[in-house]
Protein backbone atom coordinates (compact mmCIF):
# COMPACT_ATOMS: atom_id res chain seq x y z
CA MET A 1 -5.31 11.86 45.37
CA LYS A 2 -8.64 10.97 43.83
CA ILE A 3 -8.38 11.24 40.06
CA ALA A 4 -11.01 11.00 37.34
CA VAL A 5 -9.92 10.19 33.79
CA ILE A 6 -12.48 11.00 31.11
CA GLY A 7 -12.20 8.74 28.07
CA LEU A 8 -10.81 5.21 28.41
CA GLY A 9 -9.39 4.84 24.92
CA LYS A 10 -5.90 3.89 23.81
CA ILE A 11 -4.38 6.87 25.62
CA GLY A 12 -6.83 7.48 28.46
CA LEU A 13 -6.88 3.96 29.87
CA PRO A 14 -3.07 3.59 30.09
CA LEU A 15 -2.97 7.04 31.73
CA ALA A 16 -5.54 5.93 34.28
CA ALA A 17 -3.47 2.82 34.96
CA GLN A 18 -0.31 4.91 35.33
CA PHE A 19 -1.97 7.20 37.86
CA ALA A 20 -3.34 4.25 39.83
CA ASP A 21 0.04 2.51 39.75
CA ALA A 22 1.55 5.63 41.31
CA GLY A 23 -0.63 4.98 44.36
CA HIS A 24 -3.72 7.11 43.69
CA ASP A 25 -7.41 6.22 43.56
CA VAL A 26 -8.56 6.46 39.94
CA ILE A 27 -12.00 6.21 38.37
CA GLY A 28 -12.30 6.23 34.60
CA VAL A 29 -15.36 7.50 32.77
CA ASP A 30 -16.39 6.23 29.36
CA VAL A 31 -19.73 6.37 27.52
CA HIS A 32 -19.15 2.92 26.00
CA GLU A 33 -20.63 0.42 28.44
CA PRO A 34 -18.74 -2.63 27.08
CA THR A 35 -15.45 -0.77 27.63
CA VAL A 36 -16.43 0.00 31.21
CA ALA A 37 -17.45 -3.60 31.85
CA THR A 38 -14.21 -4.98 30.41
CA VAL A 39 -12.05 -2.62 32.45
CA ASN A 40 -13.91 -3.54 35.63
CA GLU A 41 -13.10 -7.18 34.87
CA GLY A 42 -9.42 -6.23 34.97
CA ARG A 43 -8.93 -6.69 31.21
CA ALA A 44 -7.89 -4.34 28.43
CA PRO A 45 -10.67 -3.63 25.90
CA PHE A 46 -8.16 -3.36 23.04
CA PRO A 47 -4.96 -5.25 22.17
CA GLY A 48 -1.41 -4.13 21.67
CA GLU A 49 -0.61 -1.82 24.60
CA ALA A 50 2.51 -3.08 26.34
CA HIS A 51 2.04 -3.84 30.06
CA LEU A 52 -1.59 -2.63 30.15
CA ASP A 53 -3.07 -6.09 30.77
CA ASP A 54 -0.69 -6.65 33.67
CA HIS A 55 -1.50 -3.26 35.18
CA LEU A 56 -5.26 -3.81 34.98
CA ALA A 57 -5.05 -7.36 36.34
CA ARG A 58 -3.27 -5.99 39.38
CA LEU A 59 -4.84 -2.56 39.94
CA VAL A 60 -8.53 -3.32 39.42
CA PRO A 61 -8.77 -6.15 41.99
CA ALA A 62 -6.77 -3.99 44.41
CA GLY A 63 -9.45 -1.29 44.16
CA ARG A 64 -7.06 1.34 42.80
CA LEU A 65 -8.78 1.62 39.42
CA ARG A 66 -12.36 1.21 38.31
CA ALA A 67 -14.56 2.45 35.49
CA THR A 68 -18.03 3.94 35.20
CA THR A 69 -20.34 5.64 32.72
CA SER A 70 -21.44 8.13 35.39
CA TYR A 71 -19.91 11.61 35.61
CA ALA A 72 -21.95 12.17 38.77
CA GLU A 73 -20.08 9.29 40.39
CA ALA A 74 -16.61 10.26 39.23
CA ILE A 75 -16.33 14.06 39.21
CA PRO A 76 -17.52 15.35 42.63
CA PRO A 77 -14.88 13.53 44.73
CA ALA A 78 -12.02 14.12 42.27
CA ASP A 79 -9.05 16.29 43.13
CA ALA A 80 -8.03 16.20 39.47
CA VAL A 81 -9.96 15.50 36.28
CA VAL A 82 -7.93 14.52 33.22
CA VAL A 83 -9.78 14.72 29.89
CA VAL A 84 -8.68 12.47 27.02
CA VAL A 85 -11.83 12.55 24.87
CA PRO A 86 -11.33 12.39 21.08
CA LEU A 87 -11.46 15.52 18.94
CA PHE A 88 -12.36 14.77 15.36
CA VAL A 89 -11.74 16.60 12.10
CA ASP A 90 -14.51 16.76 9.50
CA GLY A 91 -14.16 16.25 5.76
CA GLU A 92 -13.17 19.89 5.27
CA GLY A 93 -10.45 19.72 7.88
CA LYS A 94 -12.41 21.62 10.52
CA PRO A 95 -12.39 20.52 14.17
CA ASP A 96 -15.50 18.72 15.36
CA PHE A 97 -15.77 19.34 19.11
CA GLY A 98 -18.99 17.33 19.56
CA TRP A 99 -17.69 14.66 21.93
CA MET A 100 -15.48 17.06 23.86
CA ASP A 101 -18.27 19.62 24.25
CA SER A 102 -20.55 16.91 25.62
CA ALA A 103 -17.90 15.69 28.06
CA THR A 104 -17.15 19.24 29.20
CA ARG A 105 -20.83 19.91 29.89
CA ASP A 106 -21.03 16.75 32.01
CA ILE A 107 -17.86 17.68 33.89
CA ALA A 108 -19.17 21.19 34.55
CA ALA A 109 -22.51 19.90 35.84
CA ASN A 110 -20.69 17.92 38.54
CA LEU A 111 -17.68 20.15 39.21
CA GLY A 112 -16.81 21.16 42.75
CA THR A 113 -14.43 23.75 44.17
CA GLY A 114 -10.73 23.08 44.39
CA THR A 115 -10.61 20.78 41.37
CA LEU A 116 -7.88 20.76 38.75
CA VAL A 117 -9.20 20.08 35.23
CA VAL A 118 -6.56 19.09 32.68
CA TYR A 119 -7.21 18.64 28.98
CA GLU A 120 -4.77 16.26 27.30
CA THR A 121 -6.54 15.96 23.94
CA THR A 122 -4.65 17.85 21.23
CA LEU A 123 -6.39 21.16 20.50
CA PRO A 124 -6.26 24.17 18.17
CA VAL A 125 -4.36 27.02 19.78
CA GLY A 126 -6.61 29.06 22.07
CA THR A 127 -9.22 26.37 22.72
CA THR A 128 -8.50 25.92 26.44
CA ARG A 129 -8.94 29.62 27.18
CA THR A 130 -11.77 30.49 24.79
CA ARG A 131 -13.85 27.31 24.79
CA TRP A 132 -13.25 25.12 27.85
CA LYS A 133 -12.88 27.83 30.49
CA PRO A 134 -16.19 29.59 29.66
CA ALA A 135 -18.01 26.27 29.19
CA LEU A 136 -16.90 24.98 32.58
CA GLU A 137 -17.73 28.27 34.28
CA ALA A 138 -21.17 28.46 32.66
CA GLY A 139 -22.05 24.86 33.51
CA SER A 140 -20.77 24.91 37.07
CA GLY A 141 -21.47 28.47 38.23
CA LEU A 142 -17.87 28.55 39.50
CA THR A 143 -15.00 30.84 38.55
CA GLU A 144 -11.84 29.49 36.93
CA GLY A 145 -8.68 30.62 38.68
CA THR A 146 -10.52 31.05 41.96
CA ASP A 147 -12.79 28.03 42.47
CA PHE A 148 -11.03 25.62 40.10
CA HIS A 149 -8.19 25.56 37.57
CA VAL A 150 -8.09 24.62 33.90
CA VAL A 151 -4.80 23.58 32.31
CA PHE A 152 -3.71 22.15 29.00
CA SER A 153 -1.14 19.34 29.03
CA PRO A 154 -0.82 17.47 25.72
CA GLU A 155 -0.40 13.73 25.55
CA ARG A 156 2.91 12.97 23.79
CA VAL A 157 2.83 9.18 23.67
CA LEU A 158 2.55 6.54 20.99
CA THR A 159 -0.02 3.78 21.27
CA GLY A 160 1.65 0.48 22.03
CA ARG A 161 4.31 2.06 24.22
CA VAL A 162 2.44 4.59 26.37
CA PHE A 163 4.09 3.67 29.68
CA GLU A 164 7.56 3.89 28.14
CA ASP A 165 6.85 7.26 26.52
CA LEU A 166 5.41 8.73 29.72
CA ARG A 167 8.83 8.25 31.28
CA LYS A 168 10.82 9.27 28.25
CA TYR A 169 9.46 12.71 27.32
CA PRO A 170 8.97 15.91 29.34
CA LYS A 171 5.37 16.57 30.42
CA LEU A 172 4.33 19.93 29.05
CA VAL A 173 1.81 22.04 30.95
CA GLY A 174 0.25 25.40 30.22
CA GLY A 175 -2.15 27.09 32.59
CA LEU A 176 -4.53 30.03 32.41
CA SER A 177 -2.93 31.34 35.60
CA THR A 178 0.29 30.91 37.53
CA GLU A 179 -1.62 29.08 40.25
CA GLY A 180 -3.19 26.68 37.78
CA ALA A 181 0.15 25.87 36.20
CA ALA A 182 1.65 25.24 39.64
CA ALA A 183 -1.23 22.91 40.52
CA ALA A 184 -0.76 20.96 37.29
CA THR A 185 2.98 20.74 37.81
CA ALA A 186 2.49 19.37 41.32
CA PHE A 187 -0.11 16.90 40.02
CA TYR A 188 2.06 15.42 37.29
CA GLU A 189 5.09 15.26 39.57
CA GLN A 190 3.04 12.95 41.81
CA VAL A 191 1.73 10.64 39.09
CA LEU A 192 4.69 10.36 36.70
CA THR A 193 8.32 9.35 36.93
CA PHE A 194 10.89 10.37 34.33
CA ASP A 195 13.95 8.81 32.77
CA GLU A 196 17.22 10.68 32.96
CA ARG A 197 17.71 12.78 29.82
CA PRO A 198 21.19 14.33 29.85
CA ASP A 199 20.57 15.46 26.28
CA LEU A 200 17.98 17.97 27.52
CA ALA A 201 19.42 21.22 28.84
CA ARG A 202 16.29 21.72 30.91
CA GLY A 203 16.28 18.14 32.14
CA ASN A 204 13.43 15.67 31.96
CA GLY A 205 10.29 16.24 34.04
CA VAL A 206 7.32 18.61 34.06
CA TRP A 207 7.85 21.71 31.93
CA ASP A 208 5.65 24.77 32.52
CA LEU A 209 5.46 26.56 29.17
CA GLY A 210 3.91 29.68 30.64
CA SER A 211 0.48 29.58 28.99
CA ALA A 212 -2.12 27.18 27.68
CA GLU A 213 -1.56 28.58 24.19
CA ALA A 214 2.14 27.74 24.27
CA ALA A 215 1.42 24.17 25.36
CA GLU A 216 -1.28 23.81 22.69
CA MET A 217 1.06 25.07 19.99
CA ALA A 218 3.97 22.91 21.15
CA LYS A 219 1.96 19.74 20.56
CA LEU A 220 0.74 20.92 17.17
CA ALA A 221 4.24 22.03 16.20
CA GLU A 222 5.96 18.75 17.05
CA THR A 223 3.42 16.69 15.10
CA THR A 224 3.03 19.08 12.17
CA TYR A 225 6.81 19.04 11.80
CA ARG A 226 6.64 15.31 11.18
CA ASP A 227 3.91 15.67 8.56
CA VAL A 228 5.83 18.43 6.78
CA ASN A 229 9.05 16.42 6.92
CA ILE A 230 7.36 13.31 5.51
CA GLY A 231 5.70 15.45 2.85
CA LEU A 232 9.10 16.72 1.76
CA ALA A 233 10.50 13.18 1.72
CA ASN A 234 7.54 12.04 -0.39
CA GLN A 235 8.08 14.82 -2.90
CA PHE A 236 11.76 13.90 -3.08
CA ALA A 237 10.70 10.26 -3.62
CA VAL A 238 8.40 11.07 -6.53
CA PHE A 239 11.09 13.16 -8.20
CA ALA A 240 13.74 10.50 -7.59
CA GLU A 241 11.57 7.94 -9.37
CA GLN A 242 11.38 10.26 -12.37
CA VAL A 243 15.14 10.81 -12.65
CA GLY A 244 16.27 7.28 -11.79
CA VAL A 245 17.69 8.03 -8.34
CA ASP A 246 17.28 5.92 -5.20
CA VAL A 247 15.84 8.43 -2.74
CA HIS A 248 16.65 6.17 0.20
CA GLU A 249 20.35 6.41 -0.54
CA VAL A 250 19.93 10.16 -0.94
CA ILE A 251 18.22 10.47 2.44
CA ALA A 252 20.85 8.33 4.17
CA ALA A 253 23.57 10.46 2.64
CA SER A 254 21.84 13.71 3.60
CA ASN A 255 21.25 12.58 7.16
CA SER A 256 24.93 11.76 7.61
CA GLN A 257 25.33 15.51 8.14
CA PRO A 258 24.00 16.50 11.59
CA TYR A 259 21.73 19.30 10.36
CA SER A 260 19.63 17.07 8.11
CA HIS A 261 16.86 14.97 9.64
CA LEU A 262 14.86 13.83 6.64
CA HIS A 263 12.14 11.29 7.43
CA GLN A 264 11.27 8.32 5.24
CA PRO A 265 8.77 8.43 2.36
CA GLY A 266 5.92 5.95 2.18
CA ILE A 267 2.55 5.04 0.81
CA SER A 268 0.52 6.93 3.41
CA VAL A 269 0.50 8.85 6.67
CA GLY A 270 -2.19 7.52 8.98
CA GLY A 271 -3.33 7.45 12.58
CA HIS A 272 -5.09 9.86 14.88
CA CYS A 273 -2.14 12.27 15.07
CA ILE A 274 0.07 13.07 12.09
CA PRO A 275 -2.67 13.46 9.45
CA VAL A 276 -5.02 15.26 11.85
CA TYR A 277 -3.03 17.74 13.90
CA PRO A 278 -1.74 19.76 10.93
CA ARG A 279 -5.40 20.40 10.13
CA LEU A 280 -5.98 21.58 13.68
CA TYR A 281 -3.04 23.94 13.24
CA LEU A 282 -4.40 25.15 9.90
CA SER A 283 -7.77 25.84 11.52
CA GLY A 284 -6.04 28.64 13.42
CA ASP A 285 -3.43 29.57 10.81
CA PRO A 286 -4.98 29.00 7.37
CA ASP A 287 -2.18 30.96 5.68
CA ALA A 288 0.42 28.32 6.62
CA THR A 289 1.11 27.30 3.01
CA VAL A 290 3.99 24.98 3.92
CA VAL A 291 1.72 22.95 6.19
CA SER A 292 -1.13 22.71 3.68
CA ALA A 293 1.22 21.75 0.83
CA ALA A 294 2.78 18.95 2.89
CA ARG A 295 -0.64 17.63 3.87
CA ALA A 296 -1.66 17.57 0.21
CA ALA A 297 1.57 15.81 -0.80
CA ASN A 298 1.06 13.08 1.78
CA ALA A 299 -2.60 12.63 0.93
CA ALA A 300 -1.62 12.04 -2.71
CA MET A 301 0.72 9.12 -2.02
CA PRO A 302 -1.82 6.23 -2.09
CA ALA A 303 -2.93 7.24 -5.58
CA HIS A 304 0.70 7.68 -6.60
CA ALA A 305 1.50 4.14 -5.42
CA VAL A 306 -1.37 2.73 -7.48
CA LYS A 307 -0.17 4.72 -10.50
CA MET A 308 3.26 3.10 -10.10
CA VAL A 309 1.57 -0.29 -10.39
CA ALA A 310 -0.44 0.79 -13.44
CA ASP A 311 2.64 2.27 -15.10
CA ARG A 312 4.36 -1.11 -14.79
CA LEU A 313 1.47 -3.47 -15.54
CA GLY A 314 -0.59 -1.32 -17.89
CA ASP A 315 -4.38 -1.48 -17.85
CA LEU A 316 -5.50 -2.73 -14.43
CA THR A 317 -9.04 -3.57 -15.51
CA GLY A 318 -9.95 -6.96 -14.10
CA LEU A 319 -6.53 -7.55 -12.52
CA ARG A 320 -6.51 -8.92 -8.99
CA VAL A 321 -4.54 -6.75 -6.56
CA ALA A 322 -3.99 -7.78 -2.94
CA VAL A 323 -3.47 -4.90 -0.52
CA LEU A 324 -1.43 -6.17 2.40
CA GLY A 325 -2.31 -4.24 5.52
CA ALA A 326 -5.41 -2.39 6.65
CA ALA A 327 -3.89 -0.88 9.81
CA TYR A 328 -2.26 2.52 9.52
CA ARG A 329 1.00 1.16 10.98
CA GLY A 330 2.49 -2.15 11.94
CA ALA A 331 1.48 -4.04 15.07
CA VAL A 332 -1.39 -1.65 15.81
CA LYS A 333 -5.00 -2.66 15.28
CA GLU A 334 -6.24 0.74 14.17
CA THR A 335 -7.35 2.05 10.76
CA ALA A 336 -7.79 5.75 11.55
CA PHE A 337 -6.84 7.64 8.38
CA SER A 338 -5.14 4.51 7.09
CA GLY A 339 -3.96 4.64 3.49
CA VAL A 340 -5.81 1.40 2.79
CA PHE A 341 -9.02 3.27 2.02
CA ASP A 342 -7.48 5.51 -0.64
CA VAL A 343 -5.38 2.67 -2.07
CA VAL A 344 -8.47 0.50 -2.59
CA LYS A 345 -10.41 3.45 -3.97
CA ALA A 346 -7.65 4.24 -6.47
CA LEU A 347 -7.37 0.60 -7.53
CA GLU A 348 -11.09 0.26 -8.08
CA GLY A 349 -11.10 3.56 -9.95
CA LEU A 350 -8.72 1.97 -12.47
CA GLY A 351 -10.83 -1.16 -12.77
CA ALA A 352 -8.75 -3.47 -10.58
CA VAL A 353 -10.32 -6.09 -8.32
CA ALA A 354 -8.95 -5.15 -4.90
CA SER A 355 -8.87 -7.31 -1.78
CA VAL A 356 -7.31 -6.66 1.62
CA HIS A 357 -5.31 -8.78 4.06
CA ASP A 358 -4.30 -7.92 7.60
CA PRO A 359 -3.19 -10.43 10.25
CA MET A 360 -4.76 -8.31 13.00
CA TYR A 361 -8.26 -8.31 11.49
CA THR A 362 -10.78 -11.08 10.87
CA ASP A 363 -12.58 -11.47 7.56
CA ASP A 364 -15.75 -10.13 9.16
CA GLU A 365 -13.91 -7.05 10.41
CA LEU A 366 -12.42 -6.38 6.99
CA ALA A 367 -15.80 -6.89 5.35
CA ALA A 368 -17.39 -4.46 7.81
CA MET A 369 -14.95 -1.83 6.53
CA GLY A 370 -16.15 -2.49 2.98
CA PHE A 371 -13.22 -4.66 1.88
CA THR A 372 -13.09 -8.06 0.22
CA PRO A 373 -10.81 -10.16 2.44
CA TYR A 374 -7.68 -11.62 0.89
CA HIS A 375 -5.92 -14.73 2.19
CA LEU A 376 -2.26 -15.49 1.63
CA GLY A 377 -2.06 -18.36 -0.82
CA GLU A 378 -4.84 -17.05 -3.06
CA ALA A 379 -3.95 -16.15 -6.63
CA THR A 380 -3.26 -12.49 -7.37
CA ASP A 381 -1.74 -10.48 -10.19
CA ALA A 382 -0.15 -7.84 -7.95
CA ALA A 383 0.28 -6.94 -4.32
CA ILE A 384 0.75 -3.64 -2.51
CA ILE A 385 2.42 -3.50 0.90
CA GLN A 386 0.35 -0.88 2.71
CA THR A 387 1.23 -1.61 6.35
CA ASP A 388 4.63 -2.34 7.83
CA HIS A 389 3.55 -5.44 9.73
CA ALA A 390 6.72 -7.41 10.48
CA ALA A 391 5.07 -10.56 9.10
CA TYR A 392 5.05 -9.07 5.61
CA ALA A 393 8.83 -9.20 5.51
CA GLU A 394 8.44 -13.00 5.45
CA VAL A 395 5.90 -13.16 2.62
CA THR A 396 7.19 -15.02 -0.46
CA THR A 397 5.88 -15.63 -3.96
CA ASP A 398 4.42 -18.90 -2.64
CA ASP A 399 2.08 -16.77 -0.55
CA LEU A 400 1.09 -14.75 -3.64
CA PRO A 401 0.55 -17.31 -6.42
CA GLY A 402 0.74 -15.76 -9.87
CA VAL A 403 2.01 -12.40 -8.63
CA ARG A 404 3.65 -10.32 -11.35
CA LEU A 405 4.49 -7.24 -9.30
CA VAL A 406 4.80 -6.24 -5.64
CA LEU A 407 4.83 -2.58 -4.73
CA ASN A 408 6.59 -1.96 -1.43
CA GLY A 409 4.90 1.05 0.10
CA ARG A 410 6.87 0.68 3.33
CA PRO A 411 10.51 0.82 2.24
CA ALA A 412 11.81 0.06 5.74
CA LEU A 413 10.59 -3.51 5.23
CA GLU A 414 13.11 -5.78 3.54
CA LEU A 415 10.96 -8.14 1.51
CA ALA A 416 11.55 -11.81 0.77
CA ILE A 417 10.22 -11.31 -2.77
CA PRO A 418 12.70 -11.57 -5.69
CA ASP A 419 14.07 -8.17 -6.64
CA GLU A 420 12.83 -8.32 -10.20
CA LEU A 421 9.21 -8.43 -8.99
CA VAL A 422 9.47 -5.49 -6.59
CA ILE A 423 9.10 -1.77 -7.08
CA THR A 424 9.51 0.57 -4.12
CA ILE A 425 8.30 4.10 -3.49
CA GLY A 426 11.25 6.38 -4.10
CA ARG A 427 13.06 3.69 -6.06
CA SER A 428 11.63 2.46 -9.38
CA THR A 429 13.57 -0.82 -9.09
CA ARG A 430 15.30 -2.39 -6.12
CA GLY A 431 19.04 -2.48 -5.86
C-alpha cells in the first residue's frame, strides 16, 4: 500500500515507521520544515522513543519512508491517510480544532476516490461523524461511504514505547459504515502485528467497535478512568496526611483484594493525555460531576505540595527552593501540562525563590520556559521532587547543600535523602 501519515510528532512518526517496516510505502506530512528535513536524513527529530532511530536509519535510505510539507505530494497517491495532528484544549477546557481543521481542509483538497481516511487523534464523541465527514466531503466534492471512507481509530500508545504498545493492545476501529470499518480492519491487519493476549476473551488484534462514536468514547473512557482514579488516590492522600495515616500502605492493602485497583497519588498529572482527555469528554458531557471533580482534585496537587513545604518550614519568603524535574514524567523530554509550572507559580506566590533542574533540558531551554535553572551542588533551603527521573533516586544531601526539607512528590521513587529531611505526599513523614 501507499500510506500518508499526517503529523510526524511523537506518535505519528513512530506510526509511519511501523507502517513502512511492515513493507509499505509511507510518506509523512508535517508543517514543520526542520522536522521534515531531519526525518529525510534518517534521524529522529526528538529523543527518547525506543527503536525509532534504528527504524529511520534503515527505512529512509531504503526508500520506504520519507517526509514532506506538501499535501499535494502525499495525498493523491495514498490508499490510506492516517491523521495524527494534535488537538488542543483552551484555558476553559474547550477543544481547539485549529490544527486539525487546517489539516482536514488540505487533505480534502487533494483527496481522491477509493481512499481510506483514519483519524487517530483523540476526539470528543461525535467529531468524526459531525465534523470530519462533512469537512472532507465539502472540500473534496466526494461522498463519504461511496467515494471514500472515514474511520476513527484511537492511538493507545505511550511515548517512549510506541512500537511495544502497538503490539500489546487491541487496535480499536469505528467506522461511519460497515464498509468503512471493514476497510480499516483490513488496513490495520496489514500494518500491525499483535502479541498473544490469552487474558483477552476477544483475543488481541483489530477490534471493530461498531461505530465511530463507540471508538471515540472508548479512548476517552480509558484515559478518563485513570484521571478519576488518580484524583481519588490524591484525595485519599490529602486526608491520610491529616489523620496520620500512610496512604501508600493503605493503597497496597486495598489492592491486595482483586476488585480494588487504586492508582498512586502524586504531585501532578501531566502530559498530552490524562489531563486533557477528561476535558474532551466533559465537552460532550458537562454534567459528568465525577470527572470534573477528579480533574479539579488533580489540578490542586501542585499547590498542595507547596503548602506541605510551607507548613513544615513556615514563611517561605526569600527561601531558595529547587524544583527537581520540569518534564511531566521521567525519561521523557516533554513539559505538556507538567506540574512544574504550577509548582513554581505556587512557590513564587508564597515569596520563595524558585529554580528548576532537569537532566533532559539545558539551561537555555529551562530559561526559555521562564525558569531560573538550578544546578545540583548549589545551595538551597528546600527541594521538591516534581518528576520521577530515575537519577533523582541517587540525589544526596551533598547535591543539595544546606537543604532543610525535601518533598517527594513522586512516592514511587526511593530517595537517598535521610528520612528525617523527607516528607512525601500521602505520608507526612517517611517510615
